[in-house]
Structure formats: structure tokens, C-alpha cells
């Protein structure tokens, strides 16, 4: 499954992507804000991640910047995962690409797909010491639920408080976009 948004191309990962994945995610500033990624993040971790099976209702994608001159550069990752109350969103963007709206754009694209896949509600739980991630979620239409959860961070080796955010997607609609604030994206 592939998604094209205004500036990004979201695609599945392939085994040969391990070096580029490692180059983008192996930064403590990135990994410390993810629940499942270890620190230090190694080549074996990248290879193991790319060998994991994909659930068609809970896809994960590399966030890439398409160019006409070379293969699209991997700048991050985004996924729908099985959460405590249905689908949960997680993402990361490499530090060289922070502050350019890529996380928000990729989130909106995946939310359009989530609605198409039949998900009615998606949650996300940014760590409370990561306010930038909470801002990304709010820009994409998520709202804080007021719920706090203790979430184990493998990179930190301890439990970290997470502020739960949610978005209600409603019924799948036409490909012209919905009235729920989630713009339609093209999926191929």
C-alpha cells in the first residue's frame, strides 16, 4: 500500500532499506520518544524491524521525500498499531526534517487511510515531555482526552507518562474529503 500527499510519498519498508532506516532513526533525540525502539538503535534492530509482518488493517510506512533525480529519501516512519482501545498512531521524523510540517502531513495522510480501512477512532500517546508531538497531533485534528497512561519506553528503560489524544474519524466517505477535518489522500 502506498499513499501520496502534497509533498510526501508513504511506502512500506523493504529489507534493503535497513541502512537508510538506521541513518534516520539512530538518534537518541528520536528514539527516546518512541515506546518500542531500543537505544542504542543498531543495524540488527533495523533489519529486525523490516522483517516484521504487516497487518493490512494496521499498516506502517516510511515517510519519504520524492525527487526526480534519485530514489525518494526516507525522512521518517508512521504506523497504525494495535492500541488499548483500537488503532493507535505512532510516528517519527529524522531531526534534519523537524519543523517543516512533515509529521502533520504524514499523520493526515494516514488518518485518511485509517478511515478507509474502517477505523472510527484513532488514539496517540505522546510522552508528556515531548510537547512538539502533541502539537503535531492537534494540528492533524486530534484532541487531548485528559487521560494519562504510564507507557514503557525501551530506549529510556523506564515508564514515562503519556497524554492520550484521540480523533473520531466517522464513517468512510467519498474520496473528495470528509467533513471531519481529515483531508482525503490518494492511496494506491
Protein backbone atom coordinates (compact mmCIF):
# COMPACT_ATOMS: atom_id res chain seq x y z
CA UNK A 1 0.00 0.00 0.00
CA UNK A 2 1.27 3.48 -0.89
CA UNK A 3 -0.01 6.99 -0.09
CA UNK A 4 0.83 10.22 -1.91
CA UNK A 5 0.22 13.52 -0.13
CA UNK A 6 1.10 17.03 -1.27
CA UNK A 7 4.86 16.75 -0.56
CA UNK A 8 5.35 13.19 0.66
CA UNK A 9 5.20 9.62 -0.53
CA UNK A 10 4.43 7.00 2.12
CA UNK A 11 5.51 3.48 1.29
CA UNK A 12 6.18 0.17 3.04
CA UNK A 13 9.70 -0.69 4.11
CA UNK A 14 11.75 -3.32 2.31
CA UNK A 15 14.68 -5.36 3.67
CA UNK A 16 17.19 -3.37 1.63
CA UNK A 17 16.08 -0.16 3.43
CA UNK A 18 17.84 -1.13 6.66
CA UNK A 19 20.81 1.25 6.23
CA UNK A 20 18.64 4.26 5.41
CA UNK A 21 16.31 3.40 8.31
CA UNK A 22 19.30 3.18 10.64
CA UNK A 23 20.63 6.52 9.39
CA UNK A 24 17.33 8.29 10.10
CA UNK A 25 16.22 6.76 13.38
CA UNK A 26 19.51 6.05 15.18
CA UNK A 27 19.44 9.33 17.04
CA UNK A 28 18.73 9.42 20.75
CA UNK A 29 16.55 12.53 20.32
CA UNK A 30 14.24 10.45 18.08
CA UNK A 31 14.29 7.07 19.79
CA UNK A 32 13.73 8.41 23.32
CA UNK A 33 10.23 9.50 22.21
CA UNK A 34 9.24 6.06 20.87
CA UNK A 35 7.87 3.28 23.05
CA UNK A 36 9.20 0.21 21.20
CA UNK A 37 12.57 1.29 19.77
CA UNK A 38 15.69 0.45 21.80
CA UNK A 39 18.67 2.70 22.42
CA UNK A 40 21.21 2.42 21.05
CA UNK A 41 19.42 1.51 17.81
CA UNK A 42 21.57 -0.90 15.81
CA UNK A 43 21.75 -2.40 12.33
CA UNK A 44 20.25 -5.60 13.76
CA UNK A 45 17.30 -3.58 15.12
CA UNK A 46 16.70 -2.03 11.69
CA UNK A 47 16.86 -5.41 9.96
CA UNK A 48 14.51 -6.99 12.55
CA UNK A 49 12.00 -4.15 12.15
CA UNK A 50 11.92 -4.62 8.38
CA UNK A 51 11.34 -8.39 8.74
CA UNK A 52 8.17 -7.91 10.82
CA UNK A 53 4.94 -8.99 9.13
CA UNK A 54 2.46 -6.28 8.14
CA UNK A 55 -1.18 -6.32 9.20
CA UNK A 56 -3.24 -4.92 6.29
CA UNK A 57 -5.54 -3.04 8.73
CA UNK A 58 -2.59 -1.67 10.71
CA UNK A 59 -0.01 -0.68 8.08
CA UNK A 60 3.29 1.04 8.68
CA UNK A 61 5.06 3.27 6.20
CA UNK A 62 8.29 5.06 5.58
CA UNK A 63 7.78 8.78 5.09
CA UNK A 64 9.78 9.78 2.01
CA UNK A 65 10.54 12.94 0.08
CA UNK A 66 10.15 12.15 -3.62
CA UNK A 67 12.63 13.67 -6.04
CA UNK A 68 13.03 13.38 -9.78
CA UNK A 69 16.80 12.81 -9.65
CA UNK A 70 17.17 9.96 -7.15
CA UNK A 71 15.24 7.45 -5.08
CA UNK A 72 12.97 9.10 -2.51
CA UNK A 73 14.80 9.93 0.72
CA UNK A 74 13.44 8.25 3.88
CA UNK A 75 12.81 11.01 6.42
CA UNK A 76 10.65 9.16 8.94
CA UNK A 77 8.18 6.45 9.69
CA UNK A 78 4.49 6.32 10.59
CA UNK A 79 2.22 3.44 11.57
CA UNK A 80 -1.16 2.39 12.79
CA UNK A 81 -0.71 -0.10 15.63
CA UNK A 82 -2.92 -2.13 17.89
CA UNK A 83 -3.64 0.05 20.92
CA UNK A 84 -5.56 -0.44 24.15
CA UNK A 85 -8.77 0.90 22.59
CA UNK A 86 -8.36 0.19 18.87
CA UNK A 87 -5.96 1.76 16.39
CA UNK A 88 -3.09 3.83 17.74
CA UNK A 89 -0.85 6.12 15.70
CA UNK A 90 2.91 6.36 16.10
CA UNK A 91 5.49 8.21 14.04
CA UNK A 92 9.00 9.62 13.95
CA UNK A 93 10.78 12.15 11.75
CA UNK A 94 14.57 12.44 11.42
CA UNK A 95 15.90 15.58 13.18
CA UNK A 96 17.14 17.19 9.94
CA UNK A 97 13.48 17.39 8.86
CA UNK A 98 11.87 18.63 12.09
CA UNK A 99 9.78 21.80 11.99
CA UNK A 100 8.76 21.54 8.33
CA UNK A 101 5.25 20.11 8.77
CA UNK A 102 6.13 16.62 7.51
CA UNK A 103 4.83 14.84 10.62
CA UNK A 104 1.48 16.64 10.40
CA UNK A 105 1.17 15.95 6.66
CA UNK A 106 2.01 12.26 7.08
CA UNK A 107 -0.41 11.98 10.01
CA UNK A 108 -3.26 13.46 7.98
CA UNK A 109 -2.50 11.08 5.11
CA UNK A 110 -2.57 8.03 7.37
CA UNK A 111 -5.79 9.21 9.04
CA UNK A 112 -7.47 9.32 5.62
CA UNK A 113 -6.36 5.74 5.05
CA UNK A 114 -7.44 4.72 8.56
CA UNK A 115 -10.97 5.91 7.83
CA UNK A 116 -10.96 3.98 4.54
CA UNK A 117 -9.82 0.85 6.41
CA UNK A 118 -12.82 1.18 8.73
CA UNK A 119 -11.18 2.64 11.83
CA UNK A 120 -13.62 5.00 13.53
CA UNK A 121 -11.31 6.30 16.26
CA UNK A 122 -7.52 6.60 16.41
CA UNK A 123 -5.53 7.40 19.53
CA UNK A 124 -1.96 8.51 20.09
CA UNK A 125 0.03 8.87 23.28
CA UNK A 126 2.93 11.30 23.08
CA UNK A 127 5.16 11.35 26.13
CA UNK A 128 4.41 14.41 28.25
CA UNK A 129 7.99 15.65 27.87
CA UNK A 130 7.52 15.75 24.07
CA UNK A 131 5.21 18.76 23.52
CA UNK A 132 6.19 19.00 19.83
CA UNK A 133 4.48 15.66 19.15
CA UNK A 134 1.33 16.80 20.95
CA UNK A 135 1.29 19.94 18.74
CA UNK A 136 1.58 17.78 15.60
CA UNK A 137 -1.40 15.72 16.74
CA UNK A 138 -3.53 18.78 17.50
CA UNK A 139 -2.73 20.26 14.05
CA UNK A 140 -3.88 16.97 12.50
CA UNK A 141 -7.21 17.10 14.36
CA UNK A 142 -6.50 15.04 17.50
CA UNK A 143 -7.76 16.32 20.83
CA UNK A 144 -6.40 15.56 24.31
CA UNK A 145 -8.70 13.13 26.13
CA UNK A 146 -7.50 14.10 29.61
CA UNK A 147 -6.31 10.53 30.14
CA UNK A 148 -2.73 9.89 31.22
CA UNK A 149 -1.07 6.49 30.81
CA UNK A 150 2.18 5.06 32.07
CA UNK A 151 3.99 3.84 28.95
CA UNK A 152 7.22 1.86 28.98
CA UNK A 153 9.98 3.32 26.79
CA UNK A 154 12.55 0.71 25.73
CA UNK A 155 15.06 3.43 24.86
CA UNK A 156 14.78 5.05 28.28
CA UNK A 157 14.44 1.75 30.14
CA UNK A 158 11.61 3.08 32.28
CA UNK A 159 7.96 4.05 32.36
CA UNK A 160 7.13 7.52 31.05
CA UNK A 161 3.80 9.39 31.34
CA UNK A 162 1.89 9.73 28.07
CA UNK A 163 -1.00 12.14 27.40
CA UNK A 164 -3.63 10.32 25.34
CA UNK A 165 -5.04 12.14 22.31
CA UNK A 166 -7.85 10.89 20.05
CA UNK A 167 -9.61 11.68 16.82
CA UNK A 168 -13.03 10.44 15.74
CA UNK A 169 -12.97 9.58 12.04
CA UNK A 170 -16.59 8.71 11.39
CA UNK A 171 -17.78 6.60 8.50
CA UNK A 172 -15.72 6.13 5.36
CA UNK A 173 -16.75 8.82 2.90
CA UNK A 174 -16.23 9.81 -0.66
CA UNK A 175 -12.74 10.40 -2.00
CA UNK A 176 -13.48 14.13 -2.15
CA UNK A 177 -12.71 14.55 1.54
CA UNK A 178 -14.76 14.34 4.68
CA UNK A 179 -16.49 16.81 6.90
CA UNK A 180 -14.41 15.62 9.86
CA UNK A 181 -11.41 17.78 9.03
CA UNK A 182 -9.31 14.92 7.67
CA UNK A 183 -8.49 15.71 4.05
CA UNK A 184 -8.76 12.91 1.55
CA UNK A 185 -5.49 11.46 0.31
CA UNK A 186 -4.80 9.27 -2.66
CA UNK A 187 -3.96 5.68 -1.79
CA UNK A 188 -2.53 3.36 -4.42
